Amino acid sequence: MNYRKFGKTGLKLSEIGYGAWGIGGAMWRGATDRESLKALNLAIDRGLNFIDTALAYGQGHSEQIVGQVVRQRSEEIFVATKVPPKNQIWPARGPLEQSFPYEYIIDCAEQSLGNLKLDTIDLLQLHVWNPDWLNEEGWFEALAKLREQGKVRFFGVSVNDHQPESVIELVKSGRISSIQVIFNIFDQSPADELLPLCLKEDVGVIVRVPFDEGSLTGNITPETTFAKKDWRNHYFKEDRKEQVWERIKKLEPLLGDEAASLPELALRYCLSPEAVTTVIPGMRSSRHVDSNCRVSGKPALSAELLEQIKKHRWVRNFYPVV
């Protein structure tokens, strides 16, 4: 496993991190707690040292599983979690007081610490962001207070779906240590401005959704079905499975000596910008852990292949607006 500098924090994070949304259950189906614990432990065995969870993932269940594993391991594992918006509006809308009032941020951090059963959260992130909040002090004062108390080491922001431009001024402000953003072969927009800016400002970058919720693994076909309560029934509703399948078939000719499979190509594309610290695929099985962790340490994709990948950019938003 290779490790990369995480902005100005002084931390070195594994290139492949662990996205822990799926192991919270609730909106996903298929993983049992036993399988999740096995996958998390195997990932750490493979050198992974960064886990990203959230209070909203299974109403704290993901945090509980992550904490159980981290407390039992001797390795230094860095844990990130997130404060959900109080008004439960995704992506962020409305005034700061409706989403992240001061006391609410403090209370959520305490809940997360209780779920994790850890003394300190390495990285606490706001789960959504509205650029109108930049010059308000409440959110920053709450996070700064938690840091002063030793309950949080660093703080950052998880960028709204497909809205990398929304945190440009925030990154410039110097108030956060990191951003978490959707970046993949289809959504290449962070590479336009946000990633170069983060590199310049020395802000850590966590890449989420490297597989576009599964489509970029090549496993979502027009015939794919999901469990009744799996949220991907919405993400891939109507003719969307056909849409992604047509685009996946056009990507397959890019496979070869540089990348043997679509998941490998997808992850190595996400790791190609220097600004990116870590990529956090969801890994609910040991098989996924093995294949994803093996990607770390491979040579950078060639400039020629990266240029070909640019042609597969796809501007769209399949996420529901709550």
Protein backbone atom coordinates (compact mmCIF):
# COMPACT_ATOMS: atom_id res chain seq x y z
CA MET A 1 0.00 0.00 0.00
CA ASN A 2 1.26 3.48 -0.85
CA TYR A 3 0.62 6.47 1.40
CA ARG A 4 0.11 10.11 0.47
CA LYS A 5 0.37 13.40 2.34
CA PHE A 6 -2.98 14.66 3.60
CA GLY A 7 -2.72 18.39 2.99
CA LYS A 8 -1.20 20.37 5.86
CA THR A 9 -2.27 17.88 8.54
CA GLY A 10 1.00 15.98 8.65
CA LEU A 11 -0.91 12.70 8.25
CA LYS A 12 0.00 10.08 5.66
CA LEU A 13 -3.09 8.22 4.44
CA SER A 14 -3.31 5.05 2.38
CA GLU A 15 -4.13 5.69 -1.27
CA ILE A 16 -7.06 3.34 -0.92
CA GLY A 17 -9.32 4.18 2.02
CA TYR A 18 -12.50 2.52 3.21
CA GLY A 19 -15.87 4.06 2.41
CA ALA A 20 -18.15 2.85 5.19
CA TRP A 21 -21.59 3.95 3.96
CA GLY A 22 -22.60 0.48 2.80
CA ILE A 23 -21.75 -1.26 6.06
CA GLY A 24 -24.27 0.93 7.89
CA GLY A 25 -27.07 -1.04 6.26
CA ALA A 26 -30.37 0.88 5.95
CA MET A 27 -30.05 2.20 2.37
CA TRP A 28 -27.88 -0.71 1.17
CA ARG A 29 -28.59 -4.43 1.17
CA GLY A 30 -26.28 -7.39 0.97
CA ALA A 31 -23.64 -7.03 3.70
CA THR A 32 -23.96 -8.55 7.16
CA ASP A 33 -22.08 -7.14 10.14
CA ARG A 34 -19.96 -10.28 10.20
CA GLU A 35 -18.93 -9.75 6.57
CA SER A 36 -18.31 -6.05 7.20
CA LEU A 37 -16.03 -6.76 10.15
CA LYS A 38 -14.11 -9.31 8.11
CA ALA A 39 -13.71 -6.87 5.19
CA LEU A 40 -12.56 -4.02 7.44
CA ASN A 41 -9.98 -6.17 9.18
CA LEU A 42 -8.69 -7.54 5.89
CA ALA A 43 -8.35 -4.00 4.53
CA ILE A 44 -6.19 -3.05 7.51
CA ASP A 45 -4.16 -6.23 6.99
CA ARG A 46 -3.53 -4.98 3.44
CA GLY A 47 -2.16 -1.68 4.76
CA LEU A 48 -5.26 0.52 4.62
CA ASN A 49 -5.17 3.15 7.40
CA PHE A 50 -8.11 5.48 6.62
CA ILE A 51 -11.81 4.82 7.17
CA ASP A 52 -14.56 7.30 6.29
CA THR A 53 -17.94 6.93 7.98
CA ALA A 54 -20.79 9.22 9.05
CA LEU A 55 -23.36 9.62 11.79
CA ALA A 56 -26.08 9.30 9.14
CA TYR A 57 -24.89 5.90 7.89
CA GLY A 58 -27.39 3.51 9.40
CA GLN A 59 -28.13 6.01 12.19
CA GLY A 60 -24.70 5.48 13.69
CA HIS A 61 -24.42 1.74 12.97
CA SER A 62 -21.52 2.23 10.55
CA GLU A 63 -19.65 4.24 13.19
CA GLN A 64 -20.21 1.47 15.73
CA ILE A 65 -18.74 -1.18 13.43
CA VAL A 66 -15.79 1.04 12.50
CA GLY A 67 -15.08 1.83 16.14
CA GLN A 68 -15.21 -1.84 17.10
CA VAL A 69 -12.55 -2.69 14.53
CA VAL A 70 -10.28 0.29 15.23
CA ARG A 71 -10.28 -0.33 18.98
CA GLN A 72 -9.22 -3.93 18.45
CA ARG A 73 -6.32 -3.18 16.10
CA SER A 74 -2.80 -2.20 17.13
CA GLU A 75 -2.15 -0.22 13.92
CA GLU A 76 -2.73 3.53 13.77
CA ILE A 77 -6.01 3.91 11.88
CA PHE A 78 -7.33 7.36 11.00
CA VAL A 79 -11.10 7.74 11.25
CA ALA A 80 -13.20 10.40 9.56
CA THR A 81 -16.89 10.93 10.19
CA LYS A 82 -19.50 13.53 9.30
CA VAL A 83 -22.15 15.76 10.86
CA PRO A 84 -25.46 15.39 8.98
CA PRO A 85 -27.51 18.54 8.25
CA LYS A 86 -30.05 19.12 10.99
CA ASN A 87 -32.83 19.84 8.48
CA GLN A 88 -31.99 16.62 6.58
CA ILE A 89 -31.86 18.50 3.28
CA TRP A 90 -29.44 17.00 0.73
CA PRO A 91 -27.78 18.82 -0.98
CA ALA A 92 -27.51 21.83 1.31
CA ARG A 93 -30.11 24.55 1.09
CA GLY A 94 -31.27 27.28 3.42
CA PRO A 95 -29.58 29.27 6.19
CA LEU A 96 -26.78 27.87 8.33
CA GLU A 97 -28.95 27.79 11.47
CA GLN A 98 -31.26 25.27 9.84
CA SER A 99 -28.43 22.92 8.90
CA PHE A 100 -25.52 23.35 11.30
CA PRO A 101 -26.27 25.42 14.41
CA TYR A 102 -23.39 25.59 16.90
CA GLU A 103 -24.81 23.30 19.60
CA TYR A 104 -26.03 20.80 17.03
CA ILE A 105 -22.50 20.31 15.64
CA ILE A 106 -21.21 19.78 19.18
CA ASP A 107 -23.99 17.29 19.97
CA CYS A 108 -23.41 15.30 16.78
CA ALA A 109 -19.69 15.07 17.47
CA GLU A 110 -20.48 13.71 20.94
CA GLN A 111 -22.84 11.14 19.44
CA SER A 112 -20.17 10.04 16.96
CA LEU A 113 -17.58 9.72 19.72
CA GLY A 114 -20.07 7.60 21.64
CA ASN A 115 -20.72 5.35 18.65
CA LEU A 116 -17.03 4.97 17.86
CA LYS A 117 -16.04 4.71 21.54
CA LEU A 118 -12.90 6.67 20.70
CA ASP A 119 -11.45 9.66 22.53
CA THR A 120 -10.79 11.67 19.38
CA ILE A 121 -12.13 11.91 15.83
CA ASP A 122 -9.27 12.38 13.40
CA LEU A 123 -11.37 14.25 10.84
CA LEU A 124 -14.85 15.67 11.38
CA GLN A 125 -16.62 16.84 8.23
CA LEU A 126 -19.80 18.76 7.56
CA HIS A 127 -21.79 16.35 5.40
CA VAL A 128 -23.06 19.08 3.05
CA TRP A 129 -21.97 22.61 2.23
CA ASN A 130 -23.57 25.86 1.09
CA PRO A 131 -21.16 28.58 -0.11
CA ASP A 132 -23.45 31.18 1.48
CA TRP A 133 -22.21 29.97 4.88
CA LEU A 134 -18.57 30.87 4.26
CA ASN A 135 -18.56 34.15 6.18
CA GLU A 136 -20.71 32.93 9.07
CA GLU A 137 -18.85 32.02 12.23
CA GLY A 138 -21.06 29.45 13.96
CA TRP A 139 -19.96 26.33 12.08
CA PHE A 140 -16.28 27.26 12.31
CA GLU A 141 -16.46 28.17 15.99
CA ALA A 142 -18.10 24.85 16.85
CA LEU A 143 -15.44 22.86 15.00
CA ALA A 144 -12.66 24.97 16.51
CA LYS A 145 -14.09 24.38 19.99
CA LEU A 146 -14.10 20.62 19.45
CA ARG A 147 -10.49 20.81 18.34
CA GLU A 148 -9.52 22.86 21.40
CA GLN A 149 -11.14 20.20 23.59
CA GLY A 150 -9.11 17.47 21.89
CA LYS A 151 -12.23 15.76 20.59
CA VAL A 152 -11.43 16.49 16.93
CA ARG A 153 -8.01 16.76 15.31
CA PHE A 154 -8.95 18.24 11.94
CA PHE A 155 -12.09 19.29 10.12
CA GLY A 156 -13.29 19.46 6.56
CA VAL A 157 -16.32 19.48 4.28
CA SER A 158 -18.01 16.87 2.12
CA VAL A 159 -18.91 18.58 -1.14
CA ASN A 160 -22.49 18.42 -2.46
CA ASP A 161 -23.07 15.91 -5.25
CA HIS A 162 -21.53 17.12 -8.53
CA GLN A 163 -20.92 20.64 -7.17
CA PRO A 164 -17.13 21.03 -6.86
CA GLU A 165 -17.39 24.75 -7.59
CA SER A 166 -19.34 25.26 -4.35
CA VAL A 167 -16.21 24.94 -2.17
CA ILE A 168 -13.75 26.99 -4.20
CA GLU A 169 -13.90 30.01 -1.89
CA LEU A 170 -13.93 27.78 1.18
CA VAL A 171 -10.67 26.14 0.10
CA LYS A 172 -9.16 29.57 -0.49
CA SER A 173 -10.22 30.69 3.01
CA GLY A 174 -7.78 28.33 4.73
CA ARG A 175 -10.43 27.29 7.27
CA ILE A 176 -10.53 23.58 6.48
CA SER A 177 -8.00 20.78 6.24
CA SER A 178 -9.76 18.72 3.60
CA ILE A 179 -12.57 18.32 1.13
CA GLN A 180 -14.38 15.14 0.10
CA VAL A 181 -15.66 15.18 -3.47
CA ILE A 182 -17.19 12.98 -6.15
CA PHE A 183 -14.56 12.37 -8.82
CA ASN A 184 -14.58 9.56 -11.35
CA ILE A 185 -14.31 8.76 -15.04
CA PHE A 186 -17.80 10.12 -15.66
CA ASP A 187 -17.67 13.15 -13.34
CA GLN A 188 -14.31 14.70 -14.15
CA SER A 189 -15.37 18.23 -13.16
CA PRO A 190 -13.21 18.53 -9.98
CA ALA A 191 -10.13 18.36 -12.21
CA ASP A 192 -11.10 21.65 -13.88
CA GLU A 193 -10.51 23.96 -10.93
CA LEU A 194 -10.96 22.35 -7.52
CA LEU A 195 -8.15 19.79 -7.57
CA PRO A 196 -5.49 22.23 -8.82
CA LEU A 197 -6.62 24.71 -6.16
CA CYS A 198 -6.41 22.12 -3.38
CA LEU A 199 -2.88 21.26 -4.49
CA LYS A 200 -1.93 24.93 -4.40
CA GLU A 201 -3.54 25.55 -0.99
CA ASP A 202 -2.30 22.22 0.45
CA VAL A 203 -5.80 21.01 1.28
CA GLY A 204 -6.28 17.24 1.46
CA VAL A 205 -8.60 15.59 -1.06
CA ILE A 206 -10.74 12.52 -0.35
CA VAL A 207 -12.34 11.10 -3.49
CA ARG A 208 -15.68 9.36 -3.09
CA VAL A 209 -17.89 7.45 -5.55
CA PRO A 210 -14.97 6.27 -7.72
CA PHE A 211 -17.22 3.60 -9.27
CA ASP A 212 -20.26 5.86 -9.85
CA GLU A 213 -22.30 3.81 -7.35
CA GLY A 214 -21.30 0.62 -9.17
CA SER A 215 -21.65 1.45 -12.85
CA LEU A 216 -17.89 1.82 -13.38
CA THR A 217 -17.25 -1.69 -12.10
CA GLY A 218 -19.00 -2.98 -15.23
CA ASN A 219 -21.42 -4.99 -13.08
CA ILE A 220 -24.54 -2.86 -13.68
CA THR A 221 -26.27 -4.18 -16.77
CA PRO A 222 -29.78 -3.53 -18.13
CA GLU A 223 -30.85 -6.76 -16.37
CA THR A 224 -29.43 -5.88 -12.94
CA THR A 225 -31.92 -5.83 -10.06
CA PHE A 226 -31.47 -4.50 -6.53
CA ALA A 227 -33.07 -5.45 -3.23
CA LYS A 228 -36.35 -3.70 -2.50
CA LYS A 229 -34.95 -1.13 -0.05
CA ASP A 230 -31.62 -0.59 -1.82
CA TRP A 231 -31.42 3.11 -2.68
CA ARG A 232 -29.82 2.30 -6.05
CA ASN A 233 -33.31 1.46 -7.29
CA HIS A 234 -33.64 5.24 -7.55
CA TYR A 235 -30.13 5.99 -8.77
CA PHE A 236 -30.50 3.52 -11.64
CA LYS A 237 -34.23 4.02 -12.23
CA GLU A 238 -36.06 4.01 -15.58
CA ASP A 239 -33.60 3.69 -18.48
CA ARG A 240 -30.51 4.69 -16.49
CA LYS A 241 -29.05 1.17 -16.42
CA GLU A 242 -29.20 1.13 -20.21
CA GLN A 243 -27.55 4.56 -20.33
CA VAL A 244 -24.61 3.56 -18.17
CA TRP A 245 -24.24 0.18 -19.89
CA GLU A 246 -23.88 1.85 -23.29
CA ARG A 247 -21.13 4.08 -21.91
CA ILE A 248 -19.38 1.21 -20.13
CA LYS A 249 -19.14 -0.70 -23.42
CA LYS A 250 -17.37 2.31 -24.92
CA LEU A 251 -14.84 2.27 -22.06
CA GLU A 252 -13.91 -1.39 -22.44
CA PRO A 253 -11.54 -0.82 -25.41
CA LEU A 254 -9.31 1.20 -23.05
CA LEU A 255 -8.50 -1.92 -21.04
CA GLY A 256 -5.21 -3.66 -21.67
CA ASP A 257 -1.63 -3.52 -20.45
CA GLU A 258 -2.15 -0.44 -18.26
CA ALA A 259 -5.38 -1.51 -16.60
CA ALA A 260 -6.77 -5.01 -16.87
CA SER A 261 -10.27 -4.33 -15.53
CA LEU A 262 -12.77 -1.50 -15.28
CA PRO A 263 -12.52 -1.24 -11.47
CA GLU A 264 -8.75 -0.95 -11.76
CA LEU A 265 -9.04 1.70 -14.47
CA ALA A 266 -11.60 3.62 -12.39
CA LEU A 267 -9.48 3.67 -9.23
CA ARG A 268 -6.23 4.49 -10.99
CA TYR A 269 -7.92 7.36 -12.81
CA CYS A 270 -9.03 8.77 -9.45
CA LEU A 271 -5.50 8.47 -8.09
CA SER A 272 -3.92 10.14 -11.12
CA PRO A 273 -4.11 13.80 -9.92
CA GLU A 274 -1.35 14.79 -7.52
CA ALA A 275 -3.90 16.64 -5.39
CA VAL A 276 -5.75 13.45 -4.44
CA THR A 277 -4.73 11.89 -1.14
CA THR A 278 -7.04 8.89 -0.91
CA VAL A 279 -9.94 7.21 -2.71
CA ILE A 280 -12.68 5.60 -0.60
CA PRO A 281 -14.60 2.89 -2.47
CA GLY A 282 -17.25 1.03 -0.56
CA MET A 283 -15.96 -2.47 0.18
CA ARG A 284 -18.59 -4.76 1.68
CA SER A 285 -16.77 -8.00 0.88
CA SER A 286 -13.26 -9.39 1.24
CA ARG A 287 -13.12 -9.93 -2.51
CA HIS A 288 -13.58 -6.21 -3.11
CA VAL A 289 -10.97 -5.37 -0.49
CA ASP A 290 -8.38 -7.56 -2.18
CA SER A 291 -8.96 -6.24 -5.70
CA ASN A 292 -9.14 -2.57 -4.68
CA CYS A 293 -6.11 -2.60 -2.39
CA ARG A 294 -4.00 -4.23 -5.11
CA VAL A 295 -4.41 -1.09 -7.22
CA SER A 296 -2.23 0.95 -4.87
CA GLY A 297 1.39 1.31 -5.87
CA LYS A 298 0.91 0.69 -9.57
CA PRO A 299 2.50 3.13 -12.06
CA ALA A 300 0.58 6.24 -13.01
CA LEU A 301 -1.67 5.97 -16.05
CA SER A 302 0.01 7.26 -19.18
CA ALA A 303 -0.77 10.74 -20.48
CA GLU A 304 -2.14 9.10 -23.63
CA LEU A 305 -4.63 6.96 -21.70
CA LEU A 306 -5.67 9.88 -19.49
CA GLU A 307 -6.35 11.90 -22.63
CA GLN A 308 -8.56 9.12 -23.99
CA ILE A 309 -10.46 8.94 -20.69
CA LYS A 310 -11.31 12.65 -20.99
CA LYS A 311 -13.61 11.78 -23.89
CA HIS A 312 -15.83 9.76 -21.53
CA ARG A 313 -16.83 12.68 -19.33
CA TRP A 314 -20.58 12.60 -18.71
CA VAL A 315 -22.40 15.57 -17.24
CA ARG A 316 -25.54 14.44 -15.38
CA ASN A 317 -26.95 13.97 -11.88
CA PHE A 318 -28.75 10.78 -10.89
CA TYR A 319 -28.96 11.63 -7.20
CA PRO A 320 -32.32 12.35 -5.57
CA VAL A 321 -32.81 15.82 -4.12
CA VAL A 322 -34.29 15.53 -0.62
